[in-house]
Amino acid sequence: MSPATAGEALTLATQRLASLPTARRDAELLLLHTLGDPEKHTRAWLLTHPEAEITPAQLTHYETLLARRARHEPIQYITGRQEFYGLTLRVTPAVLIPRPETEHLVEAALARIPADVPTRILDVGTGSGAIAIALAAHRPHAILTAVDSSPAALAVARENAAAHHVAIRFVESDLLSALPNENFDLIVSNPPYVSAGESLEPQVRDFEPHSALFAGESGLEIYRRLIPQAQIALVPGGWLLMEIGHGQQQPLATLLSGWRNLAFLPDLQGIPRIVIAQKP
């Protein structure tokens, strides 16, 4: 590939990524990442400056990024960033890429966290820290603890928390095992919930951490462990909020029998995505 302008580079890059449904968008995002200076180099700038010159060094770097994307590596791992609930987060292959549907979990949690009360909140399986950081940013009086079993994920989460100037206690823990005798007003989690035999897109299956995706043969293994632990750790009247997978509403209703105010919230496609339950 030897174009000299942004327009030529985009045309050839889109052709190179033609097997991907998001070829044009991916080509644009990777070119903008290559050019740097995100305040100047926007998608609008690309549309209005197709004649802008691309240096040989930039073209070489762009080709490298395109080759990675052509192998189905997620854009977010290539650029090292993802937007979530109005925040720009650093992501690496050590963490699950935050999804838009998880923003529904943040919204449901915020609706149950007073704005001016020091509420104790636990984020289980924090990954990049997306949920905990979003909650801390919007509820500055909240007392946030976030746990993950992966030291590499916790390193990313700490970096993101520092970048957004929020105070969160990060703890390496298998679910709540490292927090004996601690109590919380609200526990939130986007746990692994993919069953072992479920088919995933290559960019998910081959690149995102399996420990953050898969949860046994049924996809319910983490829920079966987390719910009893949460019931012990929550104060009476405390809330448990979790993201769930397709077809998991009925099993979760069974696992949460005996809890109060059980509710399932749908995503934009009408699929039950969030389960909410209150400890008696």
Foldseek 3Di string as FASTA:
>chain_A
DDDFWQLVQLVVQLVLLVVDPCRSVLLLVLLDLLVDPPVQRDPVNCVVGRRHTDDPVSSVVSVVLSVCVSQVADSCQSSQWDDEPNAIAGAHLQFDHDDNQCVVLLVVVLVVDDQPAQFEEEEEQCQLVRSVLNNCVRRVSYAAEYEHQDPVSVVNNVVRCVVSVGDYHYDNDDQCPVPPPAAGQEYEYAAAQDAPPDDDDCNCVVRHDVRRHYQYHGSCNVVLVNVVVNLVRYDAFGKYKYFYDAPCVVVVCVSCPVFPPWDFDAGPVRGGTMIMTTHD
